[in-house]
PDB file of all heavy atoms in Angstrom:
ATOM      1  N   GLN A   1    -344.848 -74.624  70.589  1.00  0.00           N
ATOM      2  CA  GLN A   1    -343.954 -75.684  70.155  1.00  0.00           C
ATOM      3  C   GLN A   1    -342.591 -75.680  70.837  1.00  0.00           C
ATOM      4  O   GLN A   1    -341.843 -76.633  70.703  1.00  0.00           O
ATOM      5  CB  GLN A   1    -343.742 -75.597  68.633  1.00  0.00           C
ATOM      6  CG  GLN A   1    -345.010 -75.654  67.814  1.00  0.00           C
ATOM      7  CD  GLN A   1    -345.700 -77.009  67.883  1.00  0.00           C
ATOM      8  OE1 GLN A   1    -345.118 -77.988  68.334  1.00  0.00           O
ATOM      9  NE2 GLN A   1    -346.946 -77.062  67.439  1.00  0.00           N
ATOM     10  N   GLY A   2    -342.241 -74.591  71.515  1.00  0.00           N
ATOM     11  CA  GLY A   2    -340.919 -74.494  72.111  1.00  0.00           C
ATOM     12  C   GLY A   2    -339.873 -74.091  71.078  1.00  0.00           C
ATOM     13  O   GLY A   2    -340.176 -73.703  69.948  1.00  0.00           O
ATOM     14  N   ASP A   3    -338.621 -74.192  71.481  1.00  0.00           N
ATOM     15  CA  ASP A   3    -337.493 -73.891  70.597  1.00  0.00           C
ATOM     16  C   ASP A   3    -337.510 -74.861  69.422  1.00  0.00           C
ATOM     17  O   ASP A   3    -337.563 -76.076  69.620  1.00  0.00           O
ATOM     18  CB  ASP A   3    -336.187 -74.039  71.389  1.00  0.00           C
ATOM     19  CG  ASP A   3    -334.980 -73.527  70.633  1.00  0.00           C
ATOM     20  OD1 ASP A   3    -334.924 -73.701  69.398  1.00  0.00           O
ATOM     21  OD2 ASP A   3    -334.079 -72.979  71.282  1.00  0.00           O
ATOM     22  N   PRO A   4    -337.485 -74.360  68.172  1.00  0.00           N
ATOM     23  CA  PRO A   4    -337.539 -75.271  67.011  1.00  0.00           C
ATOM     24  C   PRO A   4    -336.376 -76.246  66.953  1.00  0.00           C
ATOM     25  O   PRO A   4    -336.463 -77.261  66.277  1.00  0.00           O
ATOM     26  CB  PRO A   4    -337.534 -74.321  65.804  1.00  0.00           C
ATOM     27  CG  PRO A   4    -337.036 -73.023  66.320  1.00  0.00           C
ATOM     28  CD  PRO A   4    -337.443 -72.944  67.769  1.00  0.00           C
ATOM     29  N   ARG A   5    -335.295 -75.984  67.686  1.00  0.00           N
ATOM     30  CA  ARG A   5    -334.186 -76.943  67.718  1.00  0.00           C
ATOM     31  C   ARG A   5    -334.581 -78.245  68.386  1.00  0.00           C
ATOM     32  O   ARG A   5    -333.999 -79.298  68.119  1.00  0.00           O
ATOM     33  CB  ARG A   5    -332.986 -76.346  68.463  1.00  0.00           C
ATOM     34  CG  ARG A   5    -332.288 -75.211  67.749  1.00  0.00           C
ATOM     35  CD  ARG A   5    -331.153 -74.664  68.582  1.00  0.00           C
ATOM     36  NE  ARG A   5    -331.645 -74.076  69.835  1.00  0.00           N
ATOM     37  CZ  ARG A   5    -330.856 -73.608  70.786  1.00  0.00           C
ATOM     38  NH1 ARG A   5    -329.545 -73.672  70.653  1.00  0.00           N
ATOM     39  NH2 ARG A   5    -331.368 -73.059  71.874  1.00  0.00           N
ATOM     40  N   PHE A   6    -335.593 -78.187  69.275  1.00  0.00           N
ATOM     41  CA  PHE A   6    -335.942 -79.348  70.075  1.00  0.00           C
ATOM     42  C   PHE A   6    -337.378 -79.803  69.842  1.00  0.00           C
ATOM     43  O   PHE A   6    -337.912 -80.581  70.615  1.00  0.00           O
ATOM     44  CB  PHE A   6    -335.747 -79.042  71.563  1.00  0.00           C
ATOM     45  CG  PHE A   6    -334.417 -78.433  71.872  1.00  0.00           C
ATOM     46  CD1 PHE A   6    -334.328 -77.136  72.343  1.00  0.00           C
ATOM     47  CD2 PHE A   6    -333.249 -79.149  71.666  1.00  0.00           C
ATOM     48  CE1 PHE A   6    -333.095 -76.563  72.619  1.00  0.00           C
ATOM     49  CE2 PHE A   6    -332.016 -78.583  71.932  1.00  0.00           C
ATOM     50  CZ  PHE A   6    -331.938 -77.298  72.412  1.00  0.00           C
ATOM     51  N   SER A   7    -338.003 -79.298  68.795  1.00  0.00           N
ATOM     52  CA  SER A   7    -339.409 -79.592  68.545  1.00  0.00           C
ATOM     53  C   SER A   7    -339.548 -80.673  67.485  1.00  0.00           C
ATOM     54  O   SER A   7    -339.212 -80.477  66.324  1.00  0.00           O
ATOM     55  CB  SER A   7    -340.143 -78.320  68.082  1.00  0.00           C
ATOM     56  OG  SER A   7    -341.431 -78.633  67.633  1.00  0.00           O
ATOM     57  N   SER A   8    -340.075 -81.826  67.872  1.00  0.00           N
ATOM     58  CA  SER A   8    -340.307 -82.902  66.897  1.00  0.00           C
ATOM     59  C   SER A   8    -341.411 -82.520  65.935  1.00  0.00           C
ATOM     60  O   SER A   8    -341.406 -82.897  64.769  1.00  0.00           O
ATOM     61  CB  SER A   8    -340.679 -84.202  67.628  1.00  0.00           C
ATOM     62  OG  SER A   8    -341.836 -84.020  68.431  1.00  0.00           O
ATOM     63  N   THR A   9    -342.396 -81.730  66.417  1.00  0.00           N
ATOM     64  CA  THR A   9    -343.464 -81.264  65.526  1.00  0.00           C
ATOM     65  C   THR A   9    -342.903 -80.385  64.437  1.00  0.00           C
ATOM     66  O   THR A   9    -343.269 -80.487  63.274  1.00  0.00           O
ATOM     67  CB  THR A   9    -344.520 -80.488  66.335  1.00  0.00           C
ATOM     68  OG1 THR A   9    -345.022 -81.327  67.373  1.00  0.00           O
ATOM     69  CG2 THR A   9    -345.656 -80.031  65.441  1.00  0.00           C
ATOM     70  N   SER A  10    -341.979 -79.508  64.817  1.00  0.00           N
ATOM     71  CA  SER A  10    -341.349 -78.626  63.842  1.00  0.00           C
ATOM     72  C   SER A  10    -340.578 -79.414  62.805  1.00  0.00           C
ATOM     73  O   SER A  10    -340.642 -79.149  61.606  1.00  0.00           O
ATOM     74  CB  SER A  10    -340.419 -77.644  64.555  1.00  0.00           C
ATOM     75  OG  SER A  10    -339.744 -76.835  63.635  1.00  0.00           O
ATOM     76  N   ALA A  11    -339.848 -80.437  63.244  1.00  0.00           N
ATOM     77  CA  ALA A  11    -339.075 -81.253  62.313  1.00  0.00           C
ATOM     78  C   ALA A  11    -339.977 -81.995  61.351  1.00  0.00           C
ATOM     79  O   ALA A  11    -339.703 -82.090  60.151  1.00  0.00           O
ATOM     80  CB  ALA A  11    -338.207 -82.236  63.093  1.00  0.00           C
ATOM     81  N   ALA A  12    -341.095 -82.515  61.863  1.00  0.00           N
ATOM     82  CA  ALA A  12    -342.022 -83.235  60.984  1.00  0.00           C
ATOM     83  C   ALA A  12    -342.644 -82.306  59.969  1.00  0.00           C
ATOM     84  O   ALA A  12    -342.813 -82.645  58.801  1.00  0.00           O
ATOM     85  CB  ALA A  12    -343.115 -83.899  61.835  1.00  0.00           C
ATOM     86  N   ARG A  13    -342.975 -81.077  60.409  1.00  0.00           N
ATOM     87  CA  ARG A  13    -343.566 -80.107  59.490  1.00  0.00           C
ATOM     88  C   ARG A  13    -342.584 -79.740  58.388  1.00  0.00           C
ATOM     89  O   ARG A  13    -342.939 -79.637  57.223  1.00  0.00           O
ATOM     90  CB  ARG A  13    -343.997 -78.852  60.259  1.00  0.00           C
ATOM     91  CG  ARG A  13    -344.676 -77.818  59.382  1.00  0.00           C
ATOM     92  CD  ARG A  13    -345.026 -76.575  60.167  1.00  0.00           C
ATOM     93  NE  ARG A  13    -346.099 -76.840  61.093  1.00  0.00           N
ATOM     94  CZ  ARG A  13    -345.979 -76.809  62.418  1.00  0.00           C
ATOM     95  NH1 ARG A  13    -344.816 -76.526  62.959  1.00  0.00           N
ATOM     96  NH2 ARG A  13    -347.004 -77.046  63.202  1.00  0.00           N
ATOM     97  N   ARG A  14    -341.311 -79.565  58.753  1.00  0.00           N
ATOM     98  CA  ARG A  14    -340.313 -79.201  57.749  1.00  0.00           C
ATOM     99  C   ARG A  14    -340.126 -80.309  56.727  1.00  0.00           C
ATOM    100  O   ARG A  14    -339.914 -80.056  55.550  1.00  0.00           O
ATOM    101  CB  ARG A  14    -338.965 -78.887  58.426  1.00  0.00           C
ATOM    102  CG  ARG A  14    -338.937 -77.586  59.162  1.00  0.00           C
ATOM    103  CD  ARG A  14    -337.509 -77.186  59.494  1.00  0.00           C
ATOM    104  NE  ARG A  14    -336.811 -78.215  60.225  1.00  0.00           N
ATOM    105  CZ  ARG A  14    -336.853 -78.351  61.547  1.00  0.00           C
ATOM    106  NH1 ARG A  14    -337.571 -77.516  62.266  1.00  0.00           N
ATOM    107  NH2 ARG A  14    -336.169 -79.303  62.153  1.00  0.00           N
ATOM    108  N   SER A  15    -340.255 -81.545  57.165  1.00  0.00           N
ATOM    109  CA  SER A  15    -340.056 -82.651  56.234  1.00  0.00           C
ATOM    110  C   SER A  15    -341.202 -82.768  55.243  1.00  0.00           C
ATOM    111  O   SER A  15    -341.038 -83.289  54.149  1.00  0.00           O
ATOM    112  CB  SER A  15    -339.909 -83.967  57.012  1.00  0.00           C
ATOM    113  OG  SER A  15    -341.141 -84.336  57.618  1.00  0.00           O
ATOM    114  N   ARG A  16    -342.402 -82.253  55.623  1.00  0.00           N
ATOM    115  CA  ARG A  16    -343.559 -82.345  54.730  1.00  0.00           C
ATOM    116  C   ARG A  16    -343.681 -81.145  53.812  1.00  0.00           C
ATOM    117  O   ARG A  16    -344.382 -81.193  52.808  1.00  0.00           O
ATOM    118  CB  ARG A  16    -344.849 -82.444  55.563  1.00  0.00           C
ATOM    119  CG  ARG A  16    -344.996 -83.707  56.371  1.00  0.00           C
ATOM    120  CD  ARG A  16    -346.425 -83.847  56.863  1.00  0.00           C
ATOM    121  NE  ARG A  16    -346.853 -82.706  57.644  1.00  0.00           N
ATOM    122  CZ  ARG A  16    -346.740 -82.625  58.970  1.00  0.00           C
ATOM    123  NH1 ARG A  16    -346.154 -83.595  59.635  1.00  0.00           N
ATOM    124  NH2 ARG A  16    -347.174 -81.557  59.611  1.00  0.00           N
ATOM    125  N   ARG A  17    -343.038 -80.036  54.169  1.00  0.00           N
ATOM    126  CA  ARG A  17    -343.266 -78.789  53.469  1.00  0.00           C
ATOM    127  C   ARG A  17    -342.168 -78.513  52.456  1.00  0.00           C
ATOM    128  O   ARG A  17    -341.003 -78.793  52.682  1.00  0.00           O
ATOM    129  CB  ARG A  17    -343.321 -77.636  54.494  1.00  0.00           C
ATOM    130  CG  ARG A  17    -343.730 -76.320  53.906  1.00  0.00           C
ATOM    131  CD  ARG A  17    -343.817 -75.270  55.003  1.00  0.00           C
ATOM    132  NE  ARG A  17    -342.529 -74.930  55.555  1.00  0.00           N
ATOM    133  CZ  ARG A  17    -342.158 -75.174  56.801  1.00  0.00           C
ATOM    134  NH1 ARG A  17    -342.968 -75.786  57.632  1.00  0.00           N
ATOM    135  NH2 ARG A  17    -340.964 -74.822  57.242  1.00  0.00           N
ATOM    136  N   THR A  18    -342.548 -77.931  51.339  1.00  0.00           N
ATOM    137  CA  THR A  18    -341.565 -77.474  50.360  1.00  0.00           C
ATOM    138  C   THR A  18    -341.758 -75.992  50.137  1.00  0.00           C
ATOM    139  O   THR A  18    -342.879 -75.479  50.161  1.00  0.00           O
ATOM    140  CB  THR A  18    -341.744 -78.204  49.014  1.00  0.00           C
ATOM    141  OG1 THR A  18    -343.070 -77.991  48.544  1.00  0.00           O
ATOM    142  CG2 THR A  18    -341.481 -79.694  49.168  1.00  0.00           C
ATOM    143  N   HIS A  19    -340.666 -75.252  49.949  1.00  0.00           N
ATOM    144  CA  HIS A  19    -340.775 -73.827  49.672  1.00  0.00           C
ATOM    145  C   HIS A  19    -341.347 -73.603  48.278  1.00  0.00           C
ATOM    146  O   HIS A  19    -341.229 -74.439  47.386  1.00  0.00           O
ATOM    147  CB  HIS A  19    -339.397 -73.169  49.756  1.00  0.00           C
ATOM    148  CG  HIS A  19    -338.997 -72.837  51.156  1.00  0.00           C
ATOM    149  ND1 HIS A  19    -339.605 -71.845  51.890  1.00  0.00           N
ATOM    150  CD2 HIS A  19    -338.053 -73.381  51.970  1.00  0.00           C
ATOM    151  CE1 HIS A  19    -339.065 -71.769  53.073  1.00  0.00           C
ATOM    152  NE2 HIS A  19    -338.112 -72.692  53.160  1.00  0.00           N
ATOM    153  N   ALA A  20    -341.978 -72.457  48.119  1.00  0.00           N
ATOM    154  CA  ALA A  20    -342.479 -72.083  46.805  1.00  0.00           C
ATOM    155  C   ALA A  20    -341.319 -72.007  45.815  1.00  0.00           C
ATOM    156  O   ALA A  20    -340.225 -71.597  46.156  1.00  0.00           O
ATOM    157  CB  ALA A  20    -343.183 -70.728  46.888  1.00  0.00           C
ATOM    158  N   SER A  21    -341.574 -72.441  44.584  1.00  0.00           N
ATOM    159  CA  SER A  21    -340.531 -72.383  43.562  1.00  0.00           C
ATOM    160  C   SER A  21    -341.070 -71.645  42.350  1.00  0.00           C
ATOM    161  O   SER A  21    -342.255 -71.674  42.059  1.00  0.00           O
ATOM    162  CB  SER A  21    -340.093 -73.796  43.167  1.00  0.00           C
ATOM    163  OG  SER A  21    -341.176 -74.544  42.670  1.00  0.00           O
ATOM    164  N   PHE A  22    -340.159 -70.988  41.618  1.00  0.00           N
ATOM    165  CA  PHE A  22    -340.543 -70.122  40.515  1.00  0.00           C
ATOM    166  C   PHE A  22    -339.561 -70.303  39.377  1.00  0.00           C
ATOM    167  O   PHE A  22    -338.441 -70.773  39.579  1.00  0.00           O
ATOM    168  CB  PHE A  22    -340.559 -68.660  40.972  1.00  0.00           C
ATOM    169  CG  PHE A  22    -341.426 -68.459  42.165  1.00  0.00           C
ATOM    170  CD1 PHE A  22    -340.894 -68.565  43.438  1.00  0.00           C
ATOM    171  CD2 PHE A  22    -342.773 -68.238  42.018  1.00  0.00           C
ATOM    172  CE1 PHE A  22    -341.701 -68.424  44.551  1.00  0.00           C
ATOM    173  CE2 PHE A  22    -343.581 -68.087  43.121  1.00  0.00           C
ATOM    174  CZ  PHE A  22    -343.046 -68.189  44.387  1.00  0.00           C
ATOM    175  N   PRO A  23    -339.960 -69.901  38.167  1.00  0.00           N
ATOM    176  CA  PRO A  23    -339.009 -69.958  37.053  1.00  0.00           C
ATOM    177  C   PRO A  23    -337.772 -69.143  37.381  1.00  0.00           C
ATOM    178  O   PRO A  23    -337.852 -68.058  37.940  1.00  0.00           O
ATOM    179  CB  PRO A  23    -339.809 -69.328  35.898  1.00  0.00           C
ATOM    180  CG  PRO A  23    -341.237 -69.479  36.278  1.00  0.00           C
ATOM    181  CD  PRO A  23    -341.288 -69.408  37.771  1.00  0.00           C
ATOM    182  N   MET A  24    -336.609 -69.654  37.015  1.00  0.00           N
ATOM    183  CA  MET A  24    -335.368 -68.989  37.385  1.00  0.00           C
ATOM    184  C   MET A  24    -335.256 -67.588  36.798  1.00  0.00           C
ATOM    185  O   MET A  24    -334.565 -66.748  37.337  1.00  0.00           O
ATOM    186  CB  MET A  24    -334.170 -69.834  36.941  1.00  0.00           C
ATOM    187  CG  MET A  24    -333.988 -71.112  37.754  1.00  0.00           C
ATOM    188  SD  MET A  24    -333.831 -70.782  39.524  1.00  0.00           S
ATOM    189  CE  MET A  24    -332.299 -69.857  39.551  1.00  0.00           C
ATOM    190  N   THR A  25    -335.964 -67.306  35.700  1.00  0.00           N
ATOM    191  CA  THR A  25    -335.891 -65.972  35.109  1.00  0.00           C
ATOM    192  C   THR A  25    -336.565 -64.920  35.974  1.00  0.00           C
ATOM    193  O   THR A  25    -336.365 -63.730  35.772  1.00  0.00           O
ATOM    194  CB  THR A  25    -336.558 -65.964  33.724  1.00  0.00           C
ATOM    195  OG1 THR A  25    -337.883 -66.473  33.847  1.00  0.00           O
ATOM    196  CG2 THR A  25    -335.765 -66.804  32.752  1.00  0.00           C
ATOM    197  N   SER A  26    -337.405 -65.345  36.950  1.00  0.00           N
ATOM    198  CA  SER A  26    -338.118 -64.368  37.778  1.00  0.00           C
ATOM    199  C   SER A  26    -337.455 -64.130  39.114  1.00  0.00           C
ATOM    200  O   SER A  26    -337.950 -63.370  39.922  1.00  0.00           O
ATOM    201  CB  SER A  26    -339.555 -64.858  38.028  1.00  0.00           C
ATOM    202  OG  SER A  26    -339.541 -65.963  38.910  1.00  0.00           O
ATOM    203  N   ILE A  27    -336.336 -64.784  39.383  1.00  0.00           N
ATOM    204  CA  ILE A  27    -335.745 -64.768  40.721  1.00  0.00           C
ATOM    205  C   ILE A  27    -334.364 -64.143  40.698  1.00  0.00           C
ATOM    206  O   ILE A  27    -333.570 -64.370  39.809  1.00  0.00           O
ATOM    207  CB  ILE A  27    -335.633 -66.216  41.267  1.00  0.00           C
ATOM    208  CG1 ILE A  27    -337.030 -66.796  41.532  1.00  0.00           C
ATOM    209  CG2 ILE A  27    -334.810 -66.253  42.557  1.00  0.00           C
ATOM    210  CD1 ILE A  27    -337.015 -68.231  41.960  1.00  0.00           C
ATOM    211  N   ILE A  28    -334.094 -63.326  41.710  1.00  0.00           N
ATOM    212  CA  ILE A  28    -332.725 -62.938  42.020  1.00  0.00           C
ATOM    213  C   ILE A  28    -332.469 -63.408  43.436  1.00  0.00           C
ATOM    214  O   ILE A  28    -333.196 -63.034  44.342  1.00  0.00           O
ATOM    215  CB  ILE A  28    -332.536 -61.419  41.945  1.00  0.00           C
ATOM    216  CG1 ILE A  28    -332.803 -60.943  40.524  1.00  0.00           C
ATOM    217  CG2 ILE A  28    -331.134 -61.029  42.358  1.00  0.00           C
ATOM    218  CD1 ILE A  28    -332.849 -59.457  40.422  1.00  0.00           C
ATOM    219  N   SER A  29    -331.488 -64.224  43.671  1.00  0.00           N
ATOM    220  CA  SER A  29    -331.251 -64.744  45.013  1.00  0.00           C
ATOM    221  C   SER A  29    -329.940 -64.224  45.550  1.00  0.00           C
ATOM    222  O   SER A  29    -329.178 -63.554  44.873  1.00  0.00           O
ATOM    223  CB  SER A  29    -331.235 -66.272  44.981  1.00  0.00           C
ATOM    224  OG  SER A  29    -329.997 -66.736  44.496  1.00  0.00           O
TER     225      SER A  29
END
């Protein structure tokens, strides 16, 4: 894909993907 700064595929993938989420009581950030 090349450098993610210049990858349109990378940008499209990021727009479709969401990070896993958990109840706030289980997380320390």
